[in-house]
Amino acid sequence: MPVLSLQVDTASAGTPSNLQVLYYGWNGDNWSDNYDSYLGIYSGSDDYDWPLTMFFWGNATESKVRSELTPTYPTHYGLKYLELSDRWGYGWWVDDDGGNKNPSGTCPTNIHVRIYVDSAYGYNWSQEDGTFVLGSTHYDVEEGSGCPEWFGLSGSAEANFANYFDYTRGLMTWRNQWDFSNYESPHWDATQAGHFWSNDGYATAVYIP
């Protein structure tokens, strides 16, 4: 099972309710924000997008996770960012990803996942977890269709992806396995129109062989 040690950095008030820093592995080899963002800078501002809800581990790489997603979720759209770092002197970086979601239609409902890694290597790494990939999830409802679009329900989208990896792809999946401390009670965002927060704060773990 993956190892996650959580240490909190207090941030000033912003759009997310629980913006914090996560450290991965017993030694805290790597850290990341627990939300992705529009800018990828940990500032406590209101430019954050969605909570992290997925943790792919074992022998996970960006290309492996992407290959599992593509048969059902082939579409890439809308870059967002995540700030990550190796604590042992290799610096920090901002990764971007458009994610994967199912194809659009007329007034569609799409399930969208974005995945984040050290882009120089195509994965993150800790001694305990091996290579791992982080992900955020949400719904895109009637996006760009001329219908009344809105976005959100990260926890519900996570549950759908957990079922997909478990039942469709046949991968070992542990639902709500790790406390990512990004709980969001169901509510509309005060500054971002159509942005609906809802998340239980626990991430699903998926083993990638």
N, C-alpha and C. Protein backbone atom coordinates (compact mmCIF):
# COMPACT_ATOMS: atom_id res chain seq x y z
N MET A 1 0.83 -1.20 0.00
CA MET A 1 0.00 0.00 0.00
C MET A 1 0.87 1.24 0.00
N PRO A 2 0.40 2.33 -0.62
CA PRO A 2 1.20 3.54 -0.66
C PRO A 2 1.32 4.19 0.72
N VAL A 3 2.35 4.97 0.88
CA VAL A 3 2.62 5.66 2.13
C VAL A 3 2.44 7.14 1.90
N LEU A 4 1.62 7.77 2.71
CA LEU A 4 1.42 9.21 2.61
C LEU A 4 1.56 9.81 3.99
N SER A 5 2.49 10.72 4.17
CA SER A 5 2.57 11.49 5.40
C SER A 5 2.13 12.90 5.11
N LEU A 6 1.20 13.40 5.87
CA LEU A 6 0.62 14.70 5.61
C LEU A 6 1.17 15.72 6.58
N GLN A 7 1.67 16.81 6.03
CA GLN A 7 2.08 17.95 6.83
C GLN A 7 1.41 19.17 6.24
N VAL A 8 0.92 20.05 7.09
CA VAL A 8 0.11 21.16 6.64
C VAL A 8 0.92 22.44 6.64
N ASP A 9 0.85 23.20 5.55
CA ASP A 9 1.30 24.58 5.49
C ASP A 9 0.06 25.46 5.50
N THR A 10 -0.05 26.34 6.45
CA THR A 10 -1.22 27.20 6.54
C THR A 10 -1.17 28.25 5.44
N ALA A 11 -2.27 28.43 4.75
CA ALA A 11 -2.35 29.42 3.68
C ALA A 11 -3.40 30.45 4.02
N SER A 12 -3.29 31.61 3.45
CA SER A 12 -4.29 32.64 3.65
C SER A 12 -5.59 32.24 2.97
N ALA A 13 -6.67 32.92 3.32
CA ALA A 13 -7.98 32.56 2.81
C ALA A 13 -8.04 32.73 1.31
N GLY A 14 -8.68 31.80 0.64
CA GLY A 14 -8.87 31.88 -0.80
C GLY A 14 -10.11 31.12 -1.17
N THR A 15 -10.29 30.82 -2.46
CA THR A 15 -11.46 30.08 -2.90
C THR A 15 -11.54 28.69 -2.28
N PRO A 16 -10.46 27.89 -2.25
CA PRO A 16 -10.56 26.58 -1.62
C PRO A 16 -10.76 26.72 -0.12
N SER A 17 -11.48 25.76 0.46
CA SER A 17 -11.70 25.79 1.90
C SER A 17 -10.52 25.26 2.69
N ASN A 18 -9.71 24.39 2.08
CA ASN A 18 -8.65 23.70 2.83
C ASN A 18 -7.37 23.58 2.02
N LEU A 19 -6.87 24.69 1.53
CA LEU A 19 -5.64 24.69 0.75
C LEU A 19 -4.45 24.38 1.65
N GLN A 20 -3.72 23.29 1.32
CA GLN A 20 -2.60 22.83 2.15
C GLN A 20 -1.51 22.25 1.25
N VAL A 21 -0.40 21.88 1.88
CA VAL A 21 0.68 21.19 1.19
C VAL A 21 0.73 19.75 1.68
N LEU A 22 0.85 18.80 0.75
CA LEU A 22 0.97 17.38 1.07
C LEU A 22 2.41 16.92 0.88
N TYR A 23 2.90 16.11 1.82
CA TYR A 23 4.21 15.49 1.68
C TYR A 23 4.02 13.98 1.52
N TYR A 24 4.75 13.38 0.56
CA TYR A 24 4.54 11.99 0.19
C TYR A 24 5.70 11.13 0.66
N GLY A 25 5.38 9.95 1.24
CA GLY A 25 6.40 9.03 1.74
C GLY A 25 6.76 9.33 3.18
N TRP A 26 7.32 8.35 3.85
CA TRP A 26 7.70 8.53 5.27
C TRP A 26 8.68 9.69 5.43
N ASN A 27 9.56 9.86 4.48
CA ASN A 27 10.55 10.94 4.57
C ASN A 27 10.09 12.23 3.91
N GLY A 28 8.87 12.25 3.42
CA GLY A 28 8.39 13.44 2.74
C GLY A 28 9.22 13.79 1.53
N ASP A 29 9.53 12.76 0.71
CA ASP A 29 10.43 12.97 -0.42
C ASP A 29 9.95 14.07 -1.36
N ASN A 30 8.66 14.11 -1.59
CA ASN A 30 8.07 15.08 -2.51
C ASN A 30 6.91 15.79 -1.83
N TRP A 31 6.61 16.98 -2.30
CA TRP A 31 5.40 17.64 -1.83
C TRP A 31 4.64 18.23 -3.01
N SER A 32 3.38 18.52 -2.77
CA SER A 32 2.57 19.22 -3.76
C SER A 32 1.47 19.98 -3.03
N ASP A 33 0.86 20.94 -3.73
CA ASP A 33 -0.40 21.51 -3.26
C ASP A 33 -1.46 20.40 -3.28
N ASN A 34 -2.55 20.60 -2.54
CA ASN A 34 -3.63 19.62 -2.59
C ASN A 34 -4.80 20.07 -3.46
N TYR A 35 -4.60 21.14 -4.25
CA TYR A 35 -5.51 21.59 -5.30
C TYR A 35 -4.68 21.95 -6.52
N ASP A 36 -5.23 21.73 -7.71
CA ASP A 36 -4.57 22.30 -8.89
C ASP A 36 -5.09 23.73 -9.09
N SER A 37 -4.50 24.44 -10.05
CA SER A 37 -4.78 25.87 -10.13
C SER A 37 -4.68 26.39 -11.56
N TYR A 38 -5.02 27.65 -11.71
CA TYR A 38 -4.88 28.32 -12.99
C TYR A 38 -3.46 28.79 -13.23
N LEU A 39 -2.69 29.01 -12.15
CA LEU A 39 -1.34 29.55 -12.28
C LEU A 39 -0.26 28.61 -11.81
N GLY A 40 -0.58 27.69 -10.89
CA GLY A 40 0.42 26.76 -10.38
C GLY A 40 1.33 27.36 -9.35
N ILE A 41 0.91 28.42 -8.68
CA ILE A 41 1.74 29.07 -7.67
C ILE A 41 1.02 28.99 -6.33
N TYR A 42 1.70 28.44 -5.32
CA TYR A 42 1.08 28.28 -4.00
C TYR A 42 1.04 29.63 -3.31
N SER A 43 -0.09 30.31 -3.37
CA SER A 43 -0.17 31.68 -2.86
C SER A 43 -1.36 31.90 -1.94
N GLY A 44 -2.25 30.95 -1.85
CA GLY A 44 -3.44 31.15 -1.06
C GLY A 44 -4.45 32.06 -1.73
N SER A 45 -4.29 32.33 -3.01
CA SER A 45 -5.20 33.22 -3.73
C SER A 45 -6.42 32.43 -4.20
N ASP A 46 -7.27 33.09 -4.96
CA ASP A 46 -8.52 32.45 -5.38
C ASP A 46 -8.44 31.89 -6.79
N ASP A 47 -7.24 31.52 -7.24
CA ASP A 47 -7.09 31.03 -8.62
C ASP A 47 -7.02 29.52 -8.67
N TYR A 48 -7.43 28.83 -7.62
CA TYR A 48 -7.35 27.37 -7.60
C TYR A 48 -8.57 26.75 -8.24
N ASP A 49 -8.36 25.57 -8.82
CA ASP A 49 -9.41 24.96 -9.64
C ASP A 49 -10.10 23.83 -8.90
N TRP A 50 -9.43 22.64 -8.78
CA TRP A 50 -10.10 21.47 -8.19
C TRP A 50 -9.18 20.74 -7.22
N PRO A 51 -9.76 20.07 -6.23
CA PRO A 51 -8.95 19.31 -5.27
C PRO A 51 -8.34 18.06 -5.90
N LEU A 52 -7.15 17.69 -5.43
CA LEU A 52 -6.59 16.40 -5.82
C LEU A 52 -7.42 15.29 -5.20
N THR A 53 -7.74 14.28 -6.02
CA THR A 53 -8.61 13.19 -5.57
C THR A 53 -8.10 11.81 -5.96
N MET A 54 -7.01 11.74 -6.76
CA MET A 54 -6.50 10.46 -7.24
C MET A 54 -5.01 10.33 -6.95
N PHE A 55 -4.59 9.11 -6.57
CA PHE A 55 -3.18 8.81 -6.31
C PHE A 55 -2.86 7.49 -6.99
N PHE A 56 -2.13 7.55 -8.10
CA PHE A 56 -1.72 6.36 -8.85
C PHE A 56 -0.30 6.01 -8.40
N TRP A 57 -0.07 4.75 -8.02
CA TRP A 57 1.22 4.41 -7.42
C TRP A 57 1.70 3.06 -7.92
N GLY A 58 2.84 2.62 -7.41
CA GLY A 58 3.45 1.35 -7.80
C GLY A 58 4.50 1.59 -8.85
N ASN A 59 4.10 1.42 -10.11
CA ASN A 59 4.95 1.72 -11.26
C ASN A 59 4.28 2.74 -12.17
N ALA A 60 3.59 3.69 -11.54
CA ALA A 60 2.79 4.64 -12.29
C ALA A 60 3.66 5.67 -13.00
N THR A 61 3.33 5.94 -14.24
CA THR A 61 3.93 7.04 -15.01
C THR A 61 2.79 7.77 -15.72
N GLU A 62 3.08 8.95 -16.20
CA GLU A 62 2.05 9.69 -16.95
C GLU A 62 1.56 8.88 -18.14
N SER A 63 2.47 8.28 -18.89
CA SER A 63 2.07 7.55 -20.10
C SER A 63 1.23 6.32 -19.76
N LYS A 64 1.57 5.62 -18.66
CA LYS A 64 0.79 4.43 -18.28
C LYS A 64 -0.62 4.81 -17.85
N VAL A 65 -0.73 5.85 -17.03
CA VAL A 65 -2.06 6.27 -16.58
C VAL A 65 -2.87 6.76 -17.78
N ARG A 66 -2.22 7.52 -18.66
CA ARG A 66 -2.91 8.04 -19.84
C ARG A 66 -3.42 6.89 -20.72
N SER A 67 -2.62 5.84 -20.86
CA SER A 67 -3.04 4.72 -21.70
C SER A 67 -4.24 3.98 -21.11
N GLU A 68 -4.37 3.98 -19.79
CA GLU A 68 -5.54 3.38 -19.16
C GLU A 68 -6.79 4.24 -19.37
N LEU A 69 -6.60 5.54 -19.45
CA LEU A 69 -7.74 6.45 -19.59
C LEU A 69 -8.24 6.57 -21.03
N THR A 70 -7.33 6.55 -22.00
CA THR A 70 -7.65 6.94 -23.36
C THR A 70 -8.77 6.14 -24.02
N PRO A 71 -8.92 4.82 -23.77
CA PRO A 71 -10.00 4.10 -24.45
C PRO A 71 -11.40 4.69 -24.22
N THR A 72 -11.64 5.25 -23.04
CA THR A 72 -12.96 5.79 -22.72
C THR A 72 -12.94 7.31 -22.59
N TYR A 73 -11.79 7.85 -22.22
CA TYR A 73 -11.67 9.30 -21.97
C TYR A 73 -10.55 9.87 -22.86
N PRO A 74 -10.79 9.99 -24.15
CA PRO A 74 -9.71 10.35 -25.08
C PRO A 74 -9.48 11.85 -25.25
N THR A 75 -10.43 12.68 -24.82
CA THR A 75 -10.37 14.10 -25.13
C THR A 75 -9.47 14.85 -24.16
N HIS A 76 -8.66 15.77 -24.68
CA HIS A 76 -7.81 16.63 -23.86
C HIS A 76 -8.29 18.06 -24.01
N TYR A 77 -8.40 18.77 -22.87
CA TYR A 77 -8.95 20.12 -22.97
C TYR A 77 -8.65 20.90 -21.70
N GLY A 78 -8.28 22.16 -21.84
CA GLY A 78 -8.23 23.08 -20.71
C GLY A 78 -7.08 22.88 -19.75
N LEU A 79 -5.90 23.47 -20.05
CA LEU A 79 -4.74 23.30 -19.18
C LEU A 79 -4.96 23.91 -17.80
N LYS A 80 -4.58 23.15 -16.77
CA LYS A 80 -4.45 23.64 -15.42
C LYS A 80 -3.10 23.20 -14.89
N TYR A 81 -2.75 23.60 -13.66
CA TYR A 81 -1.38 23.48 -13.18
C TYR A 81 -1.33 22.97 -11.75
N LEU A 82 -0.20 22.31 -11.43
CA LEU A 82 0.04 21.88 -10.06
C LEU A 82 1.50 22.12 -9.73
N GLU A 83 1.75 22.73 -8.58
CA GLU A 83 3.10 22.94 -8.10
C GLU A 83 3.53 21.73 -7.28
N LEU A 84 4.72 21.19 -7.61
CA LEU A 84 5.28 20.03 -6.93
C LEU A 84 6.75 20.29 -6.64
N SER A 85 7.31 19.49 -5.74
CA SER A 85 8.74 19.67 -5.44
C SER A 85 9.32 18.40 -4.83
N ASP A 86 10.61 18.20 -5.08
CA ASP A 86 11.42 17.22 -4.37
C ASP A 86 12.11 17.96 -3.24
N ARG A 87 11.95 17.49 -2.03
CA ARG A 87 12.47 18.21 -0.86
C ARG A 87 13.98 18.10 -0.70
N TRP A 88 14.62 17.23 -1.45
CA TRP A 88 16.04 16.95 -1.20
C TRP A 88 16.95 17.67 -2.18
N GLY A 89 16.60 18.89 -2.54
CA GLY A 89 17.55 19.73 -3.25
C GLY A 89 17.39 19.80 -4.75
N TYR A 90 16.37 19.15 -5.29
CA TYR A 90 16.19 19.16 -6.73
C TYR A 90 15.20 20.23 -7.19
N GLY A 91 14.75 21.06 -6.26
CA GLY A 91 13.92 22.19 -6.62
C GLY A 91 12.44 21.85 -6.76
N TRP A 92 11.69 22.82 -7.27
CA TRP A 92 10.26 22.63 -7.47
C TRP A 92 9.93 22.94 -8.93
N TRP A 93 8.76 22.51 -9.34
CA TRP A 93 8.35 22.71 -10.72
C TRP A 93 6.84 22.85 -10.77
N VAL A 94 6.35 23.33 -11.87
CA VAL A 94 4.91 23.43 -12.11
C VAL A 94 4.59 22.58 -13.32
N ASP A 95 3.74 21.58 -13.13
CA ASP A 95 3.32 20.74 -14.25
C ASP A 95 1.96 21.22 -14.74
N ASP A 96 1.73 21.08 -16.04
CA ASP A 96 0.43 21.44 -16.61
C ASP A 96 -0.18 20.22 -17.27
N ASP A 97 -1.50 20.19 -17.30
CA ASP A 97 -2.18 19.07 -17.96
C ASP A 97 -3.57 19.48 -18.39
N GLY A 98 -3.94 19.06 -19.58
CA GLY A 98 -5.30 19.27 -20.08
C GLY A 98 -6.24 18.18 -19.65
N GLY A 99 -5.67 17.06 -19.22
CA GLY A 99 -6.48 15.97 -18.70
C GLY A 99 -7.12 15.11 -19.76
N ASN A 100 -7.96 14.20 -19.30
CA ASN A 100 -8.72 13.29 -20.15
C ASN A 100 -10.18 13.35 -19.75
N LYS A 101 -11.05 13.39 -20.75
CA LYS A 101 -12.48 13.29 -20.47
C LYS A 101 -13.18 12.64 -21.64
N ASN A 102 -14.41 12.22 -21.42
CA ASN A 102 -15.17 11.56 -22.47
C ASN A 102 -15.59 12.57 -23.53
N PRO A 103 -15.84 12.12 -24.75
CA PRO A 103 -16.15 13.04 -25.85
C PRO A 103 -17.40 13.87 -25.57
N SER A 104 -17.42 15.07 -26.14
CA SER A 104 -18.55 15.98 -25.95
C SER A 104 -19.66 15.67 -26.94
N GLY A 105 -20.83 16.16 -26.61
CA GLY A 105 -21.98 16.06 -27.51
C GLY A 105 -22.80 17.33 -27.39
N THR A 106 -24.09 17.23 -27.61
CA THR A 106 -24.98 18.36 -27.43
C THR A 106 -25.37 18.48 -25.97
N CYS A 107 -25.06 19.61 -25.36
CA CYS A 107 -25.31 19.82 -23.93
C CYS A 107 -24.77 18.63 -23.12
N PRO A 108 -23.45 18.36 -23.23
CA PRO A 108 -22.91 17.12 -22.67
C PRO A 108 -22.65 17.22 -21.17
N THR A 109 -22.54 16.07 -20.54
CA THR A 109 -21.97 15.95 -19.21
C THR A 109 -20.70 15.11 -19.34
N ASN A 110 -19.56 15.72 -19.07
CA ASN A 110 -18.26 15.05 -19.21
C ASN A 110 -17.64 14.84 -17.84
N ILE A 111 -16.92 13.72 -17.68
CA ILE A 111 -16.13 13.47 -16.48
C ILE A 111 -14.68 13.71 -16.84
N HIS A 112 -14.00 14.53 -16.06
CA HIS A 112 -12.70 15.08 -16.44
C HIS A 112 -11.69 14.78 -15.34
N VAL A 113 -10.54 14.21 -15.71
CA VAL A 113 -9.43 13.99 -14.78
C VAL A 113 -8.18 14.63 -15.37
N ARG A 114 -7.42 15.33 -14.53
CA ARG A 114 -6.10 15.84 -14.92
C ARG A 114 -5.05 15.14 -14.07
N ILE A 115 -3.90 14.82 -14.70
CA ILE A 115 -2.86 14.11 -13.98
C ILE A 115 -1.57 14.93 -14.00
N TYR A 116 -0.80 14.81 -12.90
CA TYR A 116 0.36 15.68 -12.70
C TYR A 116 1.59 14.89 -12.26
N VAL A 117 2.73 15.23 -12.88
CA VAL A 117 3.99 14.54 -12.62
C VAL A 117 5.14 15.54 -12.73
N ASP A 118 6.33 15.09 -12.37
CA ASP A 118 7.55 15.82 -12.73
C ASP A 118 7.73 15.63 -14.23
N SER A 119 7.48 16.68 -14.98
CA SER A 119 7.46 16.54 -16.44
C SER A 119 8.81 16.18 -17.04
N ALA A 120 9.89 16.38 -16.29
CA ALA A 120 11.22 16.00 -16.79
C ALA A 120 11.37 14.48 -16.87
N TYR A 121 10.62 13.76 -16.03
CA TYR A 121 10.75 12.31 -15.96
C TYR A 121 9.47 11.57 -16.34
N GLY A 122 8.35 12.25 -16.28
CA GLY A 122 7.08 11.60 -16.57
C GLY A 122 6.48 10.88 -15.39
N TYR A 123 7.00 11.12 -14.19
CA TYR A 123 6.46 10.53 -12.97
C TYR A 123 7.01 11.29 -11.77
N ASN A 124 6.37 11.06 -10.61
CA ASN A 124 6.91 11.47 -9.32
C ASN A 124 7.46 10.23 -8.65
N TRP A 125 8.29 10.41 -7.62
CA TRP A 125 8.90 9.24 -6.99
C TRP A 125 9.09 9.46 -5.50
N SER A 126 8.80 8.41 -4.73
CA SER A 126 9.22 8.36 -3.33
C SER A 126 9.71 6.95 -3.05
N GLN A 127 10.57 6.82 -2.05
CA GLN A 127 11.18 5.53 -1.76
C GLN A 127 10.13 4.49 -1.39
N GLU A 128 9.10 4.91 -0.68
CA GLU A 128 8.08 3.95 -0.22
C GLU A 128 7.06 3.62 -1.30
N ASP A 129 6.70 4.60 -2.11
CA ASP A 129 5.60 4.42 -3.05
C ASP A 129 6.04 4.06 -4.45
N GLY A 130 7.33 4.15 -4.74
CA GLY A 130 7.78 3.97 -6.10
C GLY A 130 7.40 5.18 -6.93
N THR A 131 7.13 4.97 -8.21
CA THR A 131 6.71 6.08 -9.06
C THR A 131 5.21 6.30 -8.87
N PHE A 132 4.82 7.56 -8.81
CA PHE A 132 3.41 7.86 -8.59
C PHE A 132 2.99 9.08 -9.40
N VAL A 133 1.67 9.17 -9.59
CA VAL A 133 1.04 10.24 -10.37
C VAL A 133 -0.13 10.76 -9.56
N LEU A 134 -0.32 12.07 -9.57
CA LEU A 134 -1.41 12.70 -8.84
C LEU A 134 -2.50 13.13 -9.81
N GLY A 135 -3.75 13.18 -9.34
CA GLY A 135 -4.83 13.57 -10.23
C GLY A 135 -5.93 14.35 -9.52
N SER A 136 -6.57 15.25 -10.27
CA SER A 136 -7.77 15.93 -9.80
C SER A 136 -8.94 15.54 -10.70
N THR A 137 -10.15 15.60 -10.18
CA THR A 137 -11.33 15.17 -10.93
C THR A 137 -12.47 16.18 -10.76
N HIS A 138 -13.35 16.23 -11.77
CA HIS A 138 -14.55 17.06 -11.69
C HIS A 138 -15.45 16.73 -12.87
N TYR A 139 -16.67 17.21 -12.82
CA TYR A 139 -17.60 17.15 -13.95
C TYR A 139 -17.56 18.47 -14.72
N ASP A 140 -17.68 18.37 -16.05
CA ASP A 140 -17.95 19.52 -16.91
C ASP A 140 -19.37 19.32 -17.44
N VAL A 141 -20.28 20.18 -17.06
CA VAL A 141 -21.69 20.01 -17.42
C VAL A 141 -22.08 21.07 -18.44
N GLU A 142 -22.40 20.62 -19.64
CA GLU A 142 -22.87 21.47 -20.74
C GLU A 142 -21.84 22.55 -21.09
N GLU A 143 -20.56 22.18 -21.04
CA GLU A 143 -19.49 23.15 -21.29
C GLU A 143 -19.45 23.57 -22.75
N GLY A 144 -19.43 24.87 -22.98
CA GLY A 144 -19.24 25.41 -24.33
C GLY A 144 -20.31 25.01 -25.32
N SER A 145 -21.50 24.69 -24.85
CA SER A 145 -22.53 24.17 -25.73
C SER A 145 -23.66 25.16 -25.97
N GLY A 146 -23.60 26.33 -25.33
CA GLY A 146 -24.70 27.27 -25.40
C GLY A 146 -25.77 26.99 -24.37
N CYS A 147 -25.61 25.89 -23.64
CA CYS A 147 -26.50 25.55 -22.53
C CYS A 147 -25.94 26.19 -21.25
N PRO A 148 -26.67 26.19 -20.16
CA PRO A 148 -26.18 26.82 -18.91
C PRO A 148 -25.11 25.96 -18.24
N GLU A 149 -23.85 26.18 -18.61
CA GLU A 149 -22.76 25.31 -18.16
C GLU A 149 -22.39 25.55 -16.70
N TRP A 150 -21.90 24.47 -16.06
CA TRP A 150 -21.32 24.57 -14.73
C TRP A 150 -20.34 23.42 -14.56
N PHE A 151 -19.55 23.45 -13.46
CA PHE A 151 -18.44 22.53 -13.27
C PHE A 151 -18.33 22.15 -11.79
N GLY A 152 -17.84 20.95 -11.53
CA GLY A 152 -17.60 20.60 -10.12
C GLY A 152 -17.91 19.17 -9.76
N LEU A 153 -18.38 18.97 -8.50
CA LEU A 153 -18.67 17.65 -7.94
C LEU A 153 -17.45 16.75 -8.04
N SER A 154 -16.32 17.22 -7.51
CA SER A 154 -15.07 16.47 -7.61
C SER A 154 -15.16 15.08 -7.00
N GLY A 155 -15.79 14.97 -5.82
CA GLY A 155 -15.89 13.67 -5.16
C GLY A 155 -16.71 12.67 -5.96
N SER A 156 -17.80 13.12 -6.56
CA SER A 156 -18.61 12.23 -7.39
C SER A 156 -17.86 11.79 -8.64
N ALA A 157 -17.10 12.72 -9.24
CA ALA A 157 -16.29 12.36 -10.40
C ALA A 157 -15.21 11.36 -10.01
N GLU A 158 -14.59 11.56 -8.85
CA GLU A 158 -13.60 10.60 -8.34
C GLU A 158 -14.20 9.20 -8.23
N ALA A 159 -15.42 9.11 -7.68
CA ALA A 159 -16.07 7.81 -7.51
C ALA A 159 -16.29 7.14 -8.86
N ASN A 160 -16.64 7.91 -9.88
CA ASN A 160 -16.82 7.34 -11.21
C ASN A 160 -15.51 6.83 -11.79
N PHE A 161 -14.43 7.59 -11.60
CA PHE A 161 -13.13 7.12 -12.08
C PHE A 161 -12.65 5.91 -11.28
N ALA A 162 -12.94 5.86 -9.99
CA ALA A 162 -12.58 4.68 -9.20
C ALA A 162 -13.26 3.44 -9.76
N ASN A 163 -14.54 3.54 -10.09
CA ASN A 163 -15.26 2.41 -10.69
C ASN A 163 -14.67 2.04 -12.04
N TYR A 164 -14.29 3.04 -12.81
CA TYR A 164 -13.71 2.78 -14.13
C TYR A 164 -12.39 1.99 -14.00
N PHE A 165 -11.49 2.46 -13.15
CA PHE A 165 -10.20 1.77 -13.01
C PHE A 165 -10.39 0.38 -12.41
N ASP A 166 -11.34 0.23 -11.52
CA ASP A 166 -11.57 -1.04 -10.85
C ASP A 166 -12.27 -2.04 -11.78
N TYR A 167 -13.43 -1.68 -12.30
CA TYR A 167 -14.28 -2.63 -13.01
C TYR A 167 -13.98 -2.70 -14.51
N THR A 168 -13.66 -1.56 -15.13
CA THR A 168 -13.42 -1.56 -16.57
C THR A 168 -11.98 -1.92 -16.89
N ARG A 169 -11.02 -1.35 -16.16
CA ARG A 169 -9.61 -1.59 -16.43
C ARG A 169 -9.03 -2.71 -15.60
N GLY A 170 -9.72 -3.16 -14.57
CA GLY A 170 -9.26 -4.31 -13.78
C GLY A 170 -8.04 -4.02 -12.91
N LEU A 171 -7.90 -2.77 -12.46
CA LEU A 171 -6.76 -2.39 -11.63
C LEU A 171 -7.15 -2.38 -10.15
N MET A 172 -6.20 -2.72 -9.29
CA MET A 172 -6.44 -2.69 -7.86
C MET A 172 -6.72 -1.26 -7.44
N THR A 173 -7.86 -1.05 -6.82
CA THR A 173 -8.33 0.30 -6.49
C THR A 173 -8.82 0.35 -5.06
N TRP A 174 -8.36 1.35 -4.32
CA TRP A 174 -8.79 1.57 -2.94
C TRP A 174 -9.50 2.92 -2.88
N ARG A 175 -10.80 2.89 -2.67
CA ARG A 175 -11.58 4.12 -2.67
C ARG A 175 -11.38 4.91 -1.37
N ASN A 176 -11.27 6.22 -1.53
CA ASN A 176 -11.15 7.11 -0.37
C ASN A 176 -10.09 6.63 0.61
N GLN A 177 -8.92 6.30 0.07
CA GLN A 177 -7.86 5.66 0.85
C GLN A 177 -7.03 6.64 1.66
N TRP A 178 -6.76 7.83 1.09
CA TRP A 178 -5.82 8.74 1.72
C TRP A 178 -6.44 10.10 1.99
N ASP A 179 -6.19 10.58 3.19
CA ASP A 179 -6.71 11.89 3.60
C ASP A 179 -5.87 12.99 2.96
N PHE A 180 -6.41 13.62 1.92
CA PHE A 180 -5.72 14.73 1.27
C PHE A 180 -6.14 16.08 1.85
N SER A 181 -6.97 16.04 2.89
CA SER A 181 -7.34 17.24 3.66
C SER A 181 -7.85 18.38 2.79
N ASN A 182 -8.66 18.04 1.79
CA ASN A 182 -9.24 19.06 0.92
C ASN A 182 -10.76 18.91 0.85
N TYR A 183 -11.35 18.69 2.03
CA TYR A 183 -12.81 18.59 2.12
C TYR A 183 -13.46 19.89 1.68
N GLU A 184 -14.51 19.73 0.89
CA GLU A 184 -15.32 20.86 0.47
C GLU A 184 -16.80 20.52 0.67
N SER A 185 -17.46 21.25 1.55
CA SER A 185 -18.90 21.08 1.66
C SER A 185 -19.55 21.54 0.35
N PRO A 186 -20.67 20.97 -0.03
CA PRO A 186 -21.29 21.37 -1.29
C PRO A 186 -21.68 22.85 -1.28
N HIS A 187 -21.08 23.63 -2.20
CA HIS A 187 -21.43 25.05 -2.28
C HIS A 187 -20.92 25.64 -3.59
N TRP A 188 -21.59 26.68 -4.04
CA TRP A 188 -21.14 27.43 -5.20
C TRP A 188 -20.02 28.38 -4.79
N ASP A 189 -19.01 28.49 -5.64
CA ASP A 189 -17.90 29.38 -5.37
C ASP A 189 -18.37 30.84 -5.43
N ALA A 190 -17.79 31.67 -4.54
CA ALA A 190 -18.23 33.05 -4.45
C ALA A 190 -17.68 33.93 -5.57
N THR A 191 -16.56 33.51 -6.20
CA THR A 191 -15.92 34.37 -7.20
C THR A 191 -15.87 33.77 -8.59
N GLN A 192 -15.97 32.44 -8.72
CA GLN A 192 -15.91 31.79 -10.02
C GLN A 192 -17.29 31.28 -10.40
N ALA A 193 -17.90 31.91 -11.37
CA ALA A 193 -19.25 31.55 -11.78
C ALA A 193 -19.30 30.10 -12.28
N GLY A 194 -20.32 29.37 -11.87
CA GLY A 194 -20.51 28.00 -12.34
C GLY A 194 -19.59 26.98 -11.72
N HIS A 195 -18.86 27.35 -10.65
CA HIS A 195 -17.86 26.48 -10.01
C HIS A 195 -18.47 25.93 -8.73
N PHE A 196 -18.80 24.62 -8.73
CA PHE A 196 -19.49 24.01 -7.59
C PHE A 196 -18.54 23.08 -6.84
N TRP A 197 -18.23 23.44 -5.61
CA TRP A 197 -17.34 22.64 -4.78
C TRP A 197 -18.09 21.50 -4.10
N SER A 198 -17.50 20.32 -4.07
CA SER A 198 -18.02 19.20 -3.29
C SER A 198 -16.97 18.09 -3.30
N ASN A 199 -16.43 17.75 -2.11
CA ASN A 199 -15.38 16.72 -2.03
C ASN A 199 -15.28 16.24 -0.59
N ASP A 200 -15.07 14.92 -0.41
CA ASP A 200 -14.98 14.39 0.95
C ASP A 200 -13.58 14.50 1.54
N GLY A 201 -12.59 14.92 0.74
CA GLY A 201 -11.24 15.12 1.25
C GLY A 201 -10.34 13.90 1.21
N TYR A 202 -10.86 12.75 0.76
CA TYR A 202 -10.08 11.52 0.70
C TYR A 202 -9.84 11.12 -0.76
N ALA A 203 -8.61 10.73 -1.08
CA ALA A 203 -8.24 10.38 -2.44
C ALA A 203 -8.31 8.87 -2.66
N THR A 204 -8.68 8.48 -3.87
CA THR A 204 -8.67 7.08 -4.28
C THR A 204 -7.26 6.69 -4.73
N ALA A 205 -6.79 5.53 -4.30
CA ALA A 205 -5.49 5.00 -4.70
C ALA A 205 -5.67 3.91 -5.75
N VAL A 206 -4.91 3.98 -6.82
CA VAL A 206 -4.97 2.98 -7.89
C VAL A 206 -3.56 2.46 -8.13
N TYR A 207 -3.41 1.14 -8.07
CA TYR A 207 -2.09 0.53 -8.30
C TYR A 207 -1.88 0.32 -9.79
N ILE A 208 -0.77 0.87 -10.31
CA ILE A 208 -0.40 0.71 -11.71
C ILE A 208 0.77 -0.26 -11.79
N PRO A 209 0.60 -1.43 -12.38
CA PRO A 209 1.69 -2.41 -12.40
C PRO A 209 2.82 -2.02 -13.36
